[in-house]
């Protein structure tokens, strides 16, 4: 992976941040994007302190012009794009369907579905120019199952699974692999916000998983790094569960 170039959306914290550090350790030049410039610059500082090369671009994944410009900026900086991790996502509500708010759902659709679509569109376009690449999207256990009080969010992650599998078929003979990870509950801002909304508490979330705990961002980042790498060269259209046994129930 040494010398390759990666773009990580939502790279300012959590799984995106952990992935940035792990890729940098392998000599990957890492571009991260997000809305929060202060946090983005901190992650870049962390990459450089670890001896890596990184840059932050402020960008909103649900804006087509910004996504196009983001990919162009990465290529202008590093000359190519080999890896993409479409990690940006939100969960802004945990309610039963009747109590849910339409505007909240629209925001989740915009970031979680349109954002992944736009990112893959421009990432794949660039990867075709430089001979191929590898894309990993962030799905969820909610993209493979029904989750109580999370219907709108779950539907967006089901869409990510569908996009991943279909786009993988589109480019299977053109040296672009497209996969996704489906994390269980991970100690990130999304889970923290779900707990703050009052529907779930930490004990409930732990009990959902046979391993009786939440995961850590690094545990997802290791799977992402493998899927991006040539070690997974015959893997495309795959959804990798990293979920503490959730799917086995």
Protein backbone atom coordinates (compact mmCIF):
# COMPACT_ATOMS: atom_id res chain seq x y z
CA UNK A 1 0.00 0.00 0.00
CA UNK A 2 3.05 2.24 0.30
CA UNK A 3 2.79 5.36 -1.84
CA UNK A 4 -0.88 4.86 -2.70
CA UNK A 5 -3.43 7.66 -2.19
CA UNK A 6 -6.62 7.41 -0.12
CA UNK A 7 -9.62 9.65 0.42
CA UNK A 8 -11.64 9.19 3.62
CA UNK A 9 -14.90 11.09 4.00
CA UNK A 10 -16.06 11.77 7.52
CA UNK A 11 -12.42 11.45 8.49
CA UNK A 12 -12.45 13.90 11.38
CA UNK A 13 -13.36 11.42 14.13
CA UNK A 14 -14.31 7.85 14.98
CA UNK A 15 -13.92 5.16 12.34
CA UNK A 16 -12.68 7.63 9.72
CA UNK A 17 -9.95 8.93 11.99
CA UNK A 18 -8.86 5.43 13.02
CA UNK A 19 -8.71 4.36 9.38
CA UNK A 20 -6.62 7.39 8.46
CA UNK A 21 -4.01 6.46 11.05
CA UNK A 22 -3.89 2.78 10.04
CA UNK A 23 -3.50 3.61 6.36
CA UNK A 24 -0.80 6.18 7.09
CA UNK A 25 1.13 3.50 8.98
CA UNK A 26 1.31 1.54 5.72
CA UNK A 27 2.71 4.52 3.81
CA UNK A 28 -0.58 5.62 2.25
CA UNK A 29 -0.97 9.32 1.51
CA UNK A 30 -4.24 10.21 3.22
CA UNK A 31 -6.73 12.92 2.33
CA UNK A 32 -9.56 13.31 4.80
CA UNK A 33 -12.71 15.36 4.39
CA UNK A 34 -15.45 16.55 6.68
CA UNK A 35 -17.40 19.56 7.82
CA UNK A 36 -15.39 20.31 10.95
CA UNK A 37 -12.11 21.97 9.97
CA UNK A 38 -10.68 22.13 13.49
CA UNK A 39 -11.06 18.39 14.01
CA UNK A 40 -9.79 17.67 10.51
CA UNK A 41 -6.59 19.58 11.12
CA UNK A 42 -6.08 17.67 14.37
CA UNK A 43 -6.30 14.36 12.53
CA UNK A 44 -3.80 15.58 9.92
CA UNK A 45 -1.49 16.59 12.76
CA UNK A 46 -1.83 13.08 14.18
CA UNK A 47 -1.00 11.53 10.80
CA UNK A 48 2.13 13.64 10.48
CA UNK A 49 3.21 12.88 14.05
CA UNK A 50 3.09 9.21 13.08
CA UNK A 51 5.40 9.90 10.15
CA UNK A 52 2.67 9.90 7.52
CA UNK A 53 1.49 12.34 4.88
CA UNK A 54 -2.00 13.79 5.16
CA UNK A 55 -4.20 16.69 4.17
CA UNK A 56 -7.68 17.90 5.12
CA UNK A 57 -10.33 19.26 2.78
CA UNK A 58 -13.54 20.79 4.12
CA UNK A 59 -16.43 19.35 2.13
CA UNK A 60 -20.06 18.30 2.34
CA UNK A 61 -20.75 14.92 0.72
CA UNK A 62 -24.34 15.68 -0.27
CA UNK A 63 -23.30 18.57 -2.54
CA UNK A 64 -22.34 17.31 -6.00
CA UNK A 65 -20.12 20.27 -6.84
CA UNK A 66 -18.24 19.97 -3.55
CA UNK A 67 -17.70 16.23 -4.02
CA UNK A 68 -16.43 16.70 -7.56
CA UNK A 69 -14.10 19.46 -6.38
CA UNK A 70 -12.95 17.31 -3.45
CA UNK A 71 -11.83 14.46 -5.68
CA UNK A 72 -10.15 16.92 -8.04
CA UNK A 73 -8.35 18.52 -5.08
CA UNK A 74 -7.03 15.15 -3.93
CA UNK A 75 -5.70 14.41 -7.40
CA UNK A 76 -4.18 17.89 -7.67
CA UNK A 77 -2.39 17.30 -4.36
CA UNK A 78 -1.25 13.69 -4.79
CA UNK A 79 -1.59 12.95 -8.52
CA UNK A 80 -4.02 10.02 -8.32
CA UNK A 81 -6.66 8.24 -6.23
CA UNK A 82 -6.24 4.57 -5.33
CA UNK A 83 -8.44 4.06 -2.27
CA UNK A 84 -11.70 5.60 -1.06
CA UNK A 85 -13.49 5.12 2.24
CA UNK A 86 -16.99 6.57 2.16
CA UNK A 87 -17.49 6.91 5.88
CA UNK A 88 -19.50 10.13 6.27
CA UNK A 89 -22.91 9.38 7.76
CA UNK A 90 -25.43 10.59 10.31
CA UNK A 91 -28.15 9.21 12.56
CA UNK A 92 -30.28 12.04 13.93
CA UNK A 93 -33.30 10.21 15.33
CA UNK A 94 -34.30 7.01 17.15
CA UNK A 95 -38.09 6.85 17.17
CA UNK A 96 -40.87 4.56 16.00
CA UNK A 97 -42.10 5.41 12.52
CA UNK A 98 -45.22 7.38 13.47
CA UNK A 99 -43.24 9.64 15.82
CA UNK A 100 -40.36 10.17 13.40
CA UNK A 101 -39.77 13.49 11.64
CA UNK A 102 -39.74 13.66 7.85
CA UNK A 103 -37.07 16.37 7.80
CA UNK A 104 -34.74 14.20 9.87
CA UNK A 105 -35.21 11.37 7.41
CA UNK A 106 -34.45 13.67 4.46
CA UNK A 107 -31.18 14.71 6.12
CA UNK A 108 -30.17 11.08 6.63
CA UNK A 109 -31.04 10.22 3.02
CA UNK A 110 -29.03 13.20 1.81
CA UNK A 111 -25.86 12.31 3.70
CA UNK A 112 -26.03 8.53 3.96
CA UNK A 113 -27.35 7.66 0.51
CA UNK A 114 -26.87 10.60 -1.85
CA UNK A 115 -23.47 11.25 -0.26
CA UNK A 116 -22.25 7.71 -0.92
CA UNK A 117 -23.66 7.78 -4.45
CA UNK A 118 -21.92 11.07 -5.29
CA UNK A 119 -18.62 10.03 -3.74
CA UNK A 120 -18.52 6.72 -5.60
CA UNK A 121 -19.49 8.43 -8.85
CA UNK A 122 -16.52 10.78 -8.83
CA UNK A 123 -14.10 8.38 -7.12
CA UNK A 124 -14.74 5.65 -9.68
CA UNK A 125 -14.42 8.16 -12.52
CA UNK A 126 -10.96 9.06 -11.30
CA UNK A 127 -9.95 5.46 -10.59
CA UNK A 128 -10.77 4.55 -14.18
CA UNK A 129 -8.29 7.22 -15.26
CA UNK A 130 -5.47 5.86 -13.11
CA UNK A 131 -6.04 2.18 -13.85
CA UNK A 132 -8.22 1.02 -10.98
CA UNK A 133 -8.73 1.28 -7.25
CA UNK A 134 -10.59 0.03 -4.23
CA UNK A 135 -13.64 1.55 -2.52
CA UNK A 136 -15.06 0.70 0.90
CA UNK A 137 -18.42 2.05 2.01
CA UNK A 138 -19.71 2.19 5.57
CA UNK A 139 -22.88 0.17 5.90
CA UNK A 140 -24.13 -1.09 9.28
CA UNK A 141 -25.86 -3.96 11.02
CA UNK A 142 -28.85 -1.71 10.35
CA UNK A 143 -28.21 -2.22 6.63
CA UNK A 144 -28.77 -5.97 6.95
CA UNK A 145 -31.46 -6.17 9.62
CA UNK A 146 -34.44 -4.35 11.02
CA UNK A 147 -33.48 -2.31 14.10
CA UNK A 148 -36.20 -1.06 16.48
CA UNK A 149 -36.75 2.72 16.47
CA UNK A 150 -34.33 3.10 13.57
CA UNK A 151 -36.41 2.47 10.44
CA UNK A 152 -35.35 5.61 8.55
CA UNK A 153 -31.66 5.15 9.40
CA UNK A 154 -31.80 1.43 8.60
CA UNK A 155 -33.31 2.13 5.20
CA UNK A 156 -30.40 4.43 4.32
CA UNK A 157 -27.89 1.74 5.23
CA UNK A 158 -29.83 -0.88 3.25
CA UNK A 159 -29.42 1.51 0.32
CA UNK A 160 -25.65 1.62 0.89
CA UNK A 161 -25.58 -2.18 0.70
CA UNK A 162 -27.49 -2.12 -2.58
CA UNK A 163 -25.25 0.57 -4.06
CA UNK A 164 -22.13 -1.32 -2.99
CA UNK A 165 -23.15 -4.61 -4.58
CA UNK A 166 -24.46 -3.07 -7.78
CA UNK A 167 -21.51 -0.74 -8.40
CA UNK A 168 -19.15 -3.65 -7.69
CA UNK A 169 -20.75 -5.48 -10.61
CA UNK A 170 -20.50 -2.43 -12.86
CA UNK A 171 -16.71 -2.31 -12.50
CA UNK A 172 -15.76 -5.90 -11.68
CA UNK A 173 -13.79 -6.25 -14.94
CA UNK A 174 -12.29 -2.76 -14.81
CA UNK A 175 -10.01 -3.18 -11.79
CA UNK A 176 -12.21 -1.30 -9.33
CA UNK A 177 -13.31 -3.27 -6.30
CA UNK A 178 -16.24 -2.02 -4.22
CA UNK A 179 -17.00 -3.46 -0.79
CA UNK A 180 -18.54 -2.37 2.49
CA UNK A 181 -18.17 -3.02 6.18
CA UNK A 182 -21.21 -3.51 8.40
CA UNK A 183 -20.20 -2.49 11.92
CA UNK A 184 -22.13 -3.30 15.02
CA UNK A 185 -22.44 -0.62 17.69
CA UNK A 186 -19.11 1.20 17.84
CA UNK A 187 -17.99 3.83 20.34
CA UNK A 188 -18.51 6.81 18.03
CA UNK A 189 -20.52 10.03 17.94
CA UNK A 190 -23.47 8.26 16.26
CA UNK A 191 -23.90 5.85 19.17
CA UNK A 192 -23.31 8.61 21.71
CA UNK A 193 -26.06 10.67 20.06
CA UNK A 194 -28.44 7.69 20.05
CA UNK A 195 -27.92 7.31 23.79
CA UNK A 196 -28.50 11.04 24.32
CA UNK A 197 -31.79 10.83 22.43
CA UNK A 198 -33.00 8.56 25.22
CA UNK A 199 -34.31 5.56 23.28
CA UNK A 200 -31.27 3.38 23.94
CA UNK A 201 -28.84 3.17 26.81
CA UNK A 202 -25.37 1.65 26.87
CA UNK A 203 -26.49 -1.54 28.61
CA UNK A 204 -29.19 -2.17 26.00
CA UNK A 205 -26.68 -1.69 23.20
CA UNK A 206 -24.14 -4.03 24.78
CA UNK A 207 -26.78 -6.75 25.20
CA UNK A 208 -27.61 -6.60 21.49
CA UNK A 209 -24.19 -8.14 20.77
CA UNK A 210 -23.19 -11.70 21.72
CA UNK A 211 -19.76 -10.39 22.79
CA UNK A 212 -21.64 -8.18 25.29
CA UNK A 213 -19.77 -5.00 24.45
CA UNK A 214 -19.51 -2.22 21.91
CA UNK A 215 -16.68 -2.18 19.41
CA UNK A 216 -13.85 0.31 19.05
CA UNK A 217 -13.14 2.32 15.87
CA UNK A 218 -9.81 0.52 15.33
CA UNK A 219 -11.63 -2.80 15.09
CA UNK A 220 -13.55 -1.51 12.08
CA UNK A 221 -10.55 0.25 10.58
CA UNK A 222 -8.56 -3.00 10.42
CA UNK A 223 -11.30 -4.56 8.29
CA UNK A 224 -11.44 -1.50 6.05
CA UNK A 225 -7.68 -1.57 5.53
CA UNK A 226 -7.82 -5.24 4.56
CA UNK A 227 -10.62 -4.70 2.04
CA UNK A 228 -8.70 -1.83 0.45
CA UNK A 229 -5.50 -3.84 0.19
CA UNK A 230 -4.32 -6.37 -2.40
CA UNK A 231 -4.81 -9.03 0.28
CA UNK A 232 -8.49 -8.76 -0.70
CA UNK A 233 -7.79 -8.73 -4.45
CA UNK A 234 -10.53 -11.32 -5.22
CA UNK A 235 -13.13 -9.64 -3.02
CA UNK A 236 -15.75 -7.32 -4.48
CA UNK A 237 -19.42 -6.72 -3.75
CA UNK A 238 -18.88 -8.09 -0.24
CA UNK A 239 -20.38 -6.78 2.99
CA UNK A 240 -17.96 -7.57 5.83
CA UNK A 241 -19.69 -7.93 9.19
CA UNK A 242 -17.62 -6.59 12.09
CA UNK A 243 -20.27 -6.79 14.72
CA UNK A 244 -19.37 -8.78 17.82
CA UNK A 245 -21.46 -11.71 16.59
CA UNK A 246 -24.65 -9.75 15.93
CA UNK A 247 -25.36 -11.40 12.56
CA UNK A 248 -24.85 -14.88 14.01
CA UNK A 249 -27.88 -14.59 16.29
